[in-house]
């Protein structure tokens, strides 16, 4: 009797424990969207047309937002859409239009360092996957109970209790990048102004010389 009871208990425990051999519809959809996102990201990197790269980047970032929705992280998903899809990609497109970047293929968009870049990307991806799998090996997200894992309350509490120092370091890094961009833009405008002034002065001097000769 005890053997039958232990077998029934083991069977119930095995059935209640999630596993990879019995995927649900959400897990299958998560895998399909992940493959689509990966394909869009690879296409955005490998294409030689800048506008197409930006549009494939929209697809990749949108796929990541869908993945957040499938993980019941609605707040993170909408932040992904608003900031990355709605701001960063639009900024890239405006930059392409304002700089009059070529719409078609351009030899300037190609580089001879593709093998080195591919090796670095594969190494970084392997390290990232190893770290994430090792950190969350025994962690499971219960999607059926509707736990508010991605709400503003939970996200804010986790961010400002456990990730305050990385958050502030990232803020300082972005501020330094903004200041550096401003300095570089002012330096470029100053050089252009000096060059134009010198050219104008040389032109005036030439005109004055011509007037003296006349």
C-alpha atoms as a PDB file:
ATOM      1  CA  UNK A   1       0.000   0.000   0.000  1.00  0.00           C
ATOM      2  CA  UNK A   2       2.817   2.342   0.862  1.00  0.00           C
ATOM      3  CA  UNK A   3       4.546   1.534  -2.445  1.00  0.00           C
ATOM      4  CA  UNK A   4       1.418   2.445  -4.420  1.00  0.00           C
ATOM      5  CA  UNK A   5       1.002   5.649  -2.429  1.00  0.00           C
ATOM      6  CA  UNK A   6       4.614   6.680  -3.053  1.00  0.00           C
ATOM      7  CA  UNK A   7       4.261   5.909  -6.767  1.00  0.00           C
ATOM      8  CA  UNK A   8       1.096   8.003  -6.967  1.00  0.00           C
ATOM      9  CA  UNK A   9       2.809  10.845  -5.107  1.00  0.00           C
ATOM     10  CA  UNK A  10       5.792  10.702  -7.476  1.00  0.00           C
ATOM     11  CA  UNK A  11       3.489  10.709 -10.499  1.00  0.00           C
ATOM     12  CA  UNK A  12       1.565  13.729  -9.217  1.00  0.00           C
ATOM     13  CA  UNK A  13       4.814  15.571  -8.489  1.00  0.00           C
ATOM     14  CA  UNK A  14       6.135  14.800 -11.970  1.00  0.00           C
ATOM     15  CA  UNK A  15       2.920  15.976 -13.580  1.00  0.00           C
ATOM     16  CA  UNK A  16       2.913  19.231 -11.606  1.00  0.00           C
ATOM     17  CA  UNK A  17       6.566  19.980 -12.386  1.00  0.00           C
ATOM     18  CA  UNK A  18       7.062  21.869 -15.667  1.00  0.00           C
ATOM     19  CA  UNK A  19       9.277  20.290 -18.276  1.00  0.00           C
ATOM     20  CA  UNK A  20      10.472  20.711 -21.838  1.00  0.00           C
ATOM     21  CA  UNK A  21       8.845  17.498 -23.055  1.00  0.00           C
ATOM     22  CA  UNK A  22       5.310  18.831 -22.578  1.00  0.00           C
ATOM     23  CA  UNK A  23       5.270  22.363 -24.013  1.00  0.00           C
ATOM     24  CA  UNK A  24       2.155  24.484 -23.785  1.00  0.00           C
ATOM     25  CA  UNK A  25       0.732  26.779 -26.441  1.00  0.00           C
ATOM     26  CA  UNK A  26       2.376  29.822 -24.861  1.00  0.00           C
ATOM     27  CA  UNK A  27       5.775  28.136 -24.893  1.00  0.00           C
ATOM     28  CA  UNK A  28       5.414  27.122 -28.550  1.00  0.00           C
ATOM     29  CA  UNK A  29       4.372  30.671 -29.489  1.00  0.00           C
ATOM     30  CA  UNK A  30       7.290  32.029 -27.462  1.00  0.00           C
ATOM     31  CA  UNK A  31       9.679  29.813 -29.425  1.00  0.00           C
ATOM     32  CA  UNK A  32       8.209  30.805 -32.799  1.00  0.00           C
ATOM     33  CA  UNK A  33       8.349  34.529 -31.999  1.00  0.00           C
ATOM     34  CA  UNK A  34      11.910  34.079 -30.754  1.00  0.00           C
ATOM     35  CA  UNK A  35      12.949  32.479 -34.047  1.00  0.00           C
ATOM     36  CA  UNK A  36      11.284  35.305 -35.986  1.00  0.00           C
ATOM     37  CA  UNK A  37      13.052  37.899 -33.837  1.00  0.00           C
ATOM     38  CA  UNK A  38      16.403  36.169 -34.325  1.00  0.00           C
ATOM     39  CA  UNK A  39      15.919  36.059 -38.089  1.00  0.00           C
ATOM     40  CA  UNK A  40      14.978  39.751 -38.199  1.00  0.00           C
ATOM     41  CA  UNK A  41      18.031  40.679 -36.125  1.00  0.00           C
ATOM     42  CA  UNK A  42      20.377  38.688 -38.376  1.00  0.00           C
ATOM     43  CA  UNK A  43      18.824  40.270 -41.472  1.00  0.00           C
ATOM     44  CA  UNK A  44      19.189  43.767 -39.976  1.00  0.00           C
ATOM     45  CA  UNK A  45      22.902  43.156 -39.447  1.00  0.00           C
ATOM     46  CA  UNK A  46      23.672  41.421 -42.734  1.00  0.00           C
ATOM     47  CA  UNK A  47      21.692  43.588 -45.172  1.00  0.00           C
ATOM     48  CA  UNK A  48      23.550  46.257 -47.132  1.00  0.00           C
ATOM     49  CA  UNK A  49      20.622  48.659 -47.416  1.00  0.00           C
ATOM     50  CA  UNK A  50      20.439  51.049 -44.478  1.00  0.00           C
ATOM     51  CA  UNK A  51      16.707  51.691 -44.626  1.00  0.00           C
ATOM     52  CA  UNK A  52      15.964  47.971 -44.810  1.00  0.00           C
ATOM     53  CA  UNK A  53      18.255  47.437 -41.811  1.00  0.00           C
ATOM     54  CA  UNK A  54      16.286  49.998 -39.797  1.00  0.00           C
ATOM     55  CA  UNK A  55      12.970  48.387 -40.764  1.00  0.00           C
ATOM     56  CA  UNK A  56      14.189  44.897 -39.857  1.00  0.00           C
ATOM     57  CA  UNK A  57      15.356  46.373 -36.554  1.00  0.00           C
ATOM     58  CA  UNK A  58      11.743  47.456 -35.950  1.00  0.00           C
ATOM     59  CA  UNK A  59      10.628  43.853 -36.487  1.00  0.00           C
ATOM     60  CA  UNK A  60      13.284  42.533 -34.089  1.00  0.00           C
ATOM     61  CA  UNK A  61      12.428  45.010 -31.337  1.00  0.00           C
ATOM     62  CA  UNK A  62       8.721  44.380 -31.826  1.00  0.00           C
ATOM     63  CA  UNK A  63       9.343  40.648 -31.462  1.00  0.00           C
ATOM     64  CA  UNK A  64      11.099  41.267 -28.158  1.00  0.00           C
ATOM     65  CA  UNK A  65       8.063  43.248 -26.989  1.00  0.00           C
ATOM     66  CA  UNK A  66       5.809  40.294 -27.891  1.00  0.00           C
ATOM     67  CA  UNK A  67       8.097  38.014 -25.891  1.00  0.00           C
ATOM     68  CA  UNK A  68       7.647  40.275 -22.867  1.00  0.00           C
ATOM     69  CA  UNK A  69       3.881  40.108 -23.327  1.00  0.00           C
ATOM     70  CA  UNK A  70       4.011  36.307 -23.387  1.00  0.00           C
ATOM     71  CA  UNK A  71       5.960  36.413 -20.106  1.00  0.00           C
ATOM     72  CA  UNK A  72       3.172  38.526 -18.511  1.00  0.00           C
ATOM     73  CA  UNK A  73       5.445  41.590 -18.361  1.00  0.00           C
ATOM     74  CA  UNK A  74       3.089  44.129 -19.889  1.00  0.00           C
ATOM     75  CA  UNK A  75       4.839  47.195 -18.518  1.00  0.00           C
ATOM     76  CA  UNK A  76       8.247  46.156 -19.894  1.00  0.00           C
ATOM     77  CA  UNK A  77       6.634  45.320 -23.238  1.00  0.00           C
ATOM     78  CA  UNK A  78       5.069  48.763 -23.637  1.00  0.00           C
ATOM     79  CA  UNK A  79       8.302  50.428 -22.515  1.00  0.00           C
ATOM     80  CA  UNK A  80      10.056  48.414 -25.231  1.00  0.00           C
ATOM     81  CA  UNK A  81       7.571  49.657 -27.830  1.00  0.00           C
ATOM     82  CA  UNK A  82       7.565  53.296 -26.714  1.00  0.00           C
ATOM     83  CA  UNK A  83      11.304  53.765 -26.207  1.00  0.00           C
ATOM     84  CA  UNK A  84      12.964  51.490 -28.733  1.00  0.00           C
ATOM     85  CA  UNK A  85      10.427  51.082 -31.529  1.00  0.00           C
ATOM     86  CA  UNK A  86       8.844  54.521 -31.129  1.00  0.00           C
ATOM     87  CA  UNK A  87      11.920  56.623 -30.336  1.00  0.00           C
ATOM     88  CA  UNK A  88      15.251  54.976 -31.154  1.00  0.00           C
ATOM     89  CA  UNK A  89      14.274  53.587 -34.559  1.00  0.00           C
ATOM     90  CA  UNK A  90      12.508  56.833 -35.509  1.00  0.00           C
ATOM     91  CA  UNK A  91      15.683  58.707 -34.538  1.00  0.00           C
ATOM     92  CA  UNK A  92      17.728  56.392 -36.756  1.00  0.00           C
ATOM     93  CA  UNK A  93      15.366  56.927 -39.680  1.00  0.00           C
ATOM     94  CA  UNK A  94      15.488  60.711 -39.234  1.00  0.00           C
ATOM     95  CA  UNK A  95      19.282  60.509 -39.101  1.00  0.00           C
ATOM     96  CA  UNK A  96      19.330  58.558 -42.360  1.00  0.00           C
ATOM     97  CA  UNK A  97      17.051  61.096 -44.025  1.00  0.00           C
ATOM     98  CA  UNK A  98      18.855  64.173 -42.733  1.00  0.00           C
ATOM     99  CA  UNK A  99      22.291  62.876 -43.708  1.00  0.00           C
ATOM    100  CA  UNK A 100      20.981  61.869 -47.150  1.00  0.00           C
ATOM    101  CA  UNK A 101      22.175  58.297 -46.751  1.00  0.00           C
ATOM    102  CA  UNK A 102      21.953  56.151 -49.878  1.00  0.00           C
ATOM    103  CA  UNK A 103      18.725  54.187 -50.111  1.00  0.00           C
ATOM    104  CA  UNK A 104      20.196  51.290 -52.076  1.00  0.00           C
ATOM    105  CA  UNK A 105      23.405  49.363 -51.620  1.00  0.00           C
ATOM    106  CA  UNK A 106      26.476  51.381 -50.765  1.00  0.00           C
ATOM    107  CA  UNK A 107      30.120  50.284 -50.601  1.00  0.00           C
ATOM    108  CA  UNK A 108      30.536  52.496 -47.526  1.00  0.00           C
ATOM    109  CA  UNK A 109      28.129  50.273 -45.582  1.00  0.00           C
ATOM    110  CA  UNK A 110      30.309  47.215 -46.193  1.00  0.00           C
ATOM    111  CA  UNK A 111      33.335  46.346 -44.109  1.00  0.00           C
ATOM    112  CA  UNK A 112      36.236  43.954 -44.388  1.00  0.00           C
ATOM    113  CA  UNK A 113      36.044  43.032 -40.701  1.00  0.00           C
ATOM    114  CA  UNK A 114      33.067  40.687 -41.046  1.00  0.00           C
ATOM    115  CA  UNK A 115      34.921  37.557 -39.764  1.00  0.00           C
ATOM    116  CA  UNK A 116      36.172  39.410 -36.689  1.00  0.00           C
ATOM    117  CA  UNK A 117      32.737  40.877 -36.010  1.00  0.00           C
ATOM    118  CA  UNK A 118      31.120  37.449 -36.425  1.00  0.00           C
ATOM    119  CA  UNK A 119      33.591  35.861 -33.998  1.00  0.00           C
ATOM    120  CA  UNK A 120      33.004  38.584 -31.413  1.00  0.00           C
ATOM    121  CA  UNK A 121      29.219  38.295 -31.803  1.00  0.00           C
ATOM    122  CA  UNK A 122      29.236  34.497 -31.427  1.00  0.00           C
ATOM    123  CA  UNK A 123      31.504  34.707 -28.365  1.00  0.00           C
ATOM    124  CA  UNK A 124      29.350  37.377 -26.717  1.00  0.00           C
ATOM    125  CA  UNK A 125      26.171  35.406 -27.460  1.00  0.00           C
ATOM    126  CA  UNK A 126      27.679  32.208 -26.000  1.00  0.00           C
ATOM    127  CA  UNK A 127      28.775  33.993 -22.828  1.00  0.00           C
ATOM    128  CA  UNK A 128      25.393  35.690 -22.447  1.00  0.00           C
ATOM    129  CA  UNK A 129      23.428  32.462 -22.953  1.00  0.00           C
ATOM    130  CA  UNK A 130      25.678  30.598 -20.509  1.00  0.00           C
ATOM    131  CA  UNK A 131      25.289  33.248 -17.823  1.00  0.00           C
ATOM    132  CA  UNK A 132      21.498  33.491 -18.224  1.00  0.00           C
ATOM    133  CA  UNK A 133      20.964  29.715 -18.247  1.00  0.00           C
ATOM    134  CA  UNK A 134      23.195  29.237 -15.220  1.00  0.00           C
ATOM    135  CA  UNK A 135      21.458  32.038 -13.299  1.00  0.00           C
ATOM    136  CA  UNK A 136      17.872  30.993 -14.076  1.00  0.00           C
ATOM    137  CA  UNK A 137      18.281  27.235 -14.396  1.00  0.00           C
ATOM    138  CA  UNK A 138      15.776  26.381 -11.635  1.00  0.00           C
ATOM    139  CA  UNK A 139      13.574  29.469 -12.014  1.00  0.00           C
ATOM    140  CA  UNK A 140      10.139  29.005 -13.582  1.00  0.00           C
ATOM    141  CA  UNK A 141       7.593  31.674 -14.396  1.00  0.00           C
ATOM    142  CA  UNK A 142       4.016  30.596 -13.752  1.00  0.00           C
ATOM    143  CA  UNK A 143       2.030  32.156 -16.573  1.00  0.00           C
ATOM    144  CA  UNK A 144      -1.287  30.542 -15.673  1.00  0.00           C
ATOM    145  CA  UNK A 145      -1.635  32.048 -12.194  1.00  0.00           C
ATOM    146  CA  UNK A 146      -1.309  35.572 -13.581  1.00  0.00           C
ATOM    147  CA  UNK A 147       1.445  36.710 -11.215  1.00  0.00           C
ATOM    148  CA  UNK A 148       2.110  40.427 -11.749  1.00  0.00           C
ATOM    149  CA  UNK A 149       5.786  40.035 -12.609  1.00  0.00           C
ATOM    150  CA  UNK A 150       5.867  42.884 -15.110  1.00  0.00           C
ATOM    151  CA  UNK A 151       3.748  45.530 -13.406  1.00  0.00           C
ATOM    152  CA  UNK A 152       5.101  48.934 -12.472  1.00  0.00           C
ATOM    153  CA  UNK A 153       4.967  48.111  -8.749  1.00  0.00           C
ATOM    154  CA  UNK A 154       7.053  44.950  -8.971  1.00  0.00           C
ATOM    155  CA  UNK A 155       9.436  46.378 -11.567  1.00  0.00           C
ATOM    156  CA  UNK A 156      10.045  49.575  -9.593  1.00  0.00           C
ATOM    157  CA  UNK A 157      10.608  47.674  -6.350  1.00  0.00           C
ATOM    158  CA  UNK A 158      13.127  45.299  -7.942  1.00  0.00           C
ATOM    159  CA  UNK A 159      14.869  48.106  -9.848  1.00  0.00           C
ATOM    160  CA  UNK A 160      15.346  50.490  -6.923  1.00  0.00           C
ATOM    161  CA  UNK A 161      16.099  47.820  -4.329  1.00  0.00           C
ATOM    162  CA  UNK A 162      18.481  45.470  -6.115  1.00  0.00           C
ATOM    163  CA  UNK A 163      19.670  47.343  -9.241  1.00  0.00           C
ATOM    164  CA  UNK A 164      20.188  50.912  -8.020  1.00  0.00           C
ATOM    165  CA  UNK A 165      23.957  51.025  -8.626  1.00  0.00           C
ATOM    166  CA  UNK A 166      23.847  49.656 -12.231  1.00  0.00           C
ATOM    167  CA  UNK A 167      20.917  51.999 -12.961  1.00  0.00           C
ATOM    168  CA  UNK A 168      22.861  55.052 -11.791  1.00  0.00           C
ATOM    169  CA  UNK A 169      26.007  53.899 -13.613  1.00  0.00           C
ATOM    170  CA  UNK A 170      24.017  53.606 -16.827  1.00  0.00           C
ATOM    171  CA  UNK A 171      22.617  57.107 -16.281  1.00  0.00           C
ATOM    172  CA  UNK A 172      26.142  58.529 -15.887  1.00  0.00           C
ATOM    173  CA  UNK A 173      27.258  56.659 -19.022  1.00  0.00           C
ATOM    174  CA  UNK A 174      24.396  58.080 -21.086  1.00  0.00           C
ATOM    175  CA  UNK A 175      25.118  61.577 -19.745  1.00  0.00           C
ATOM    176  CA  UNK A 176      28.791  61.242 -20.711  1.00  0.00           C
ATOM    177  CA  UNK A 177      27.790  60.111 -24.216  1.00  0.00           C
ATOM    178  CA  UNK A 178      25.447  63.104 -24.545  1.00  0.00           C
ATOM    179  CA  UNK A 179      28.144  65.558 -23.439  1.00  0.00           C
ATOM    180  CA  UNK A 180      30.665  63.953 -25.809  1.00  0.00           C
ATOM    181  CA  UNK A 181      28.242  64.237 -28.727  1.00  0.00           C
ATOM    182  CA  UNK A 182      27.681  67.927 -27.963  1.00  0.00           C
ATOM    183  CA  UNK A 183      31.439  68.592 -27.764  1.00  0.00           C
ATOM    184  CA  UNK A 184      32.116  66.794 -31.051  1.00  0.00           C
ATOM    185  CA  UNK A 185      29.306  68.645 -32.836  1.00  0.00           C
ATOM    186  CA  UNK A 186      30.508  72.048 -31.582  1.00  0.00           C
ATOM    187  CA  UNK A 187      34.087  71.239 -32.582  1.00  0.00           C
ATOM    188  CA  UNK A 188      32.977  70.298 -36.079  1.00  0.00           C
ATOM    189  CA  UNK A 189      30.900  73.463 -36.459  1.00  0.00           C
ATOM    190  CA  UNK A 190      33.826  75.563 -35.211  1.00  0.00           C
ATOM    191  CA  UNK A 191      36.159  74.072 -37.772  1.00  0.00           C
ATOM    192  CA  UNK A 192      33.634  74.642 -40.535  1.00  0.00           C
ATOM    193  CA  UNK A 193      33.164  78.223 -39.407  1.00  0.00           C
ATOM    194  CA  UNK A 194      36.914  78.836 -39.389  1.00  0.00           C
ATOM    195  CA  UNK A 195      37.297  77.311 -42.809  1.00  0.00           C
ATOM    196  CA  UNK A 196      34.489  79.402 -44.246  1.00  0.00           C
ATOM    197  CA  UNK A 197      35.888  82.550 -42.671  1.00  0.00           C
ATOM    198  CA  UNK A 198      39.338  81.853 -44.077  1.00  0.00           C
ATOM    199  CA  UNK A 199      37.912  81.203 -47.499  1.00  0.00           C
ATOM    200  CA  UNK A 200      35.870  84.402 -47.305  1.00  0.00           C
ATOM    201  CA  UNK A 201      38.943  86.372 -46.207  1.00  0.00           C
ATOM    202  CA  UNK A 202      40.998  84.942 -49.029  1.00  0.00           C
ATOM    203  CA  UNK A 203      38.257  85.847 -51.475  1.00  0.00           C
ATOM    204  CA  UNK A 204      38.103  89.426 -50.162  1.00  0.00           C
ATOM    205  CA  UNK A 205      41.863  89.717 -50.399  1.00  0.00           C
ATOM    206  CA  UNK A 206      41.812  88.511 -53.971  1.00  0.00           C
ATOM    207  CA  UNK A 207      39.118  90.979 -54.866  1.00  0.00           C
ATOM    208  CA  UNK A 208      41.047  93.789 -53.214  1.00  0.00           C
ATOM    209  CA  UNK A 209      44.183  92.847 -55.147  1.00  0.00           C
ATOM    210  CA  UNK A 210      42.240  92.803 -58.358  1.00  0.00           C
ATOM    211  CA  UNK A 211      40.821  96.199 -57.586  1.00  0.00           C
ATOM    212  CA  UNK A 212      44.297  97.561 -56.861  1.00  0.00           C
ATOM    213  CA  UNK A 213      45.662  96.239 -60.111  1.00  0.00           C
ATOM    214  CA  UNK A 214      42.820  97.852 -61.970  1.00  0.00           C
END
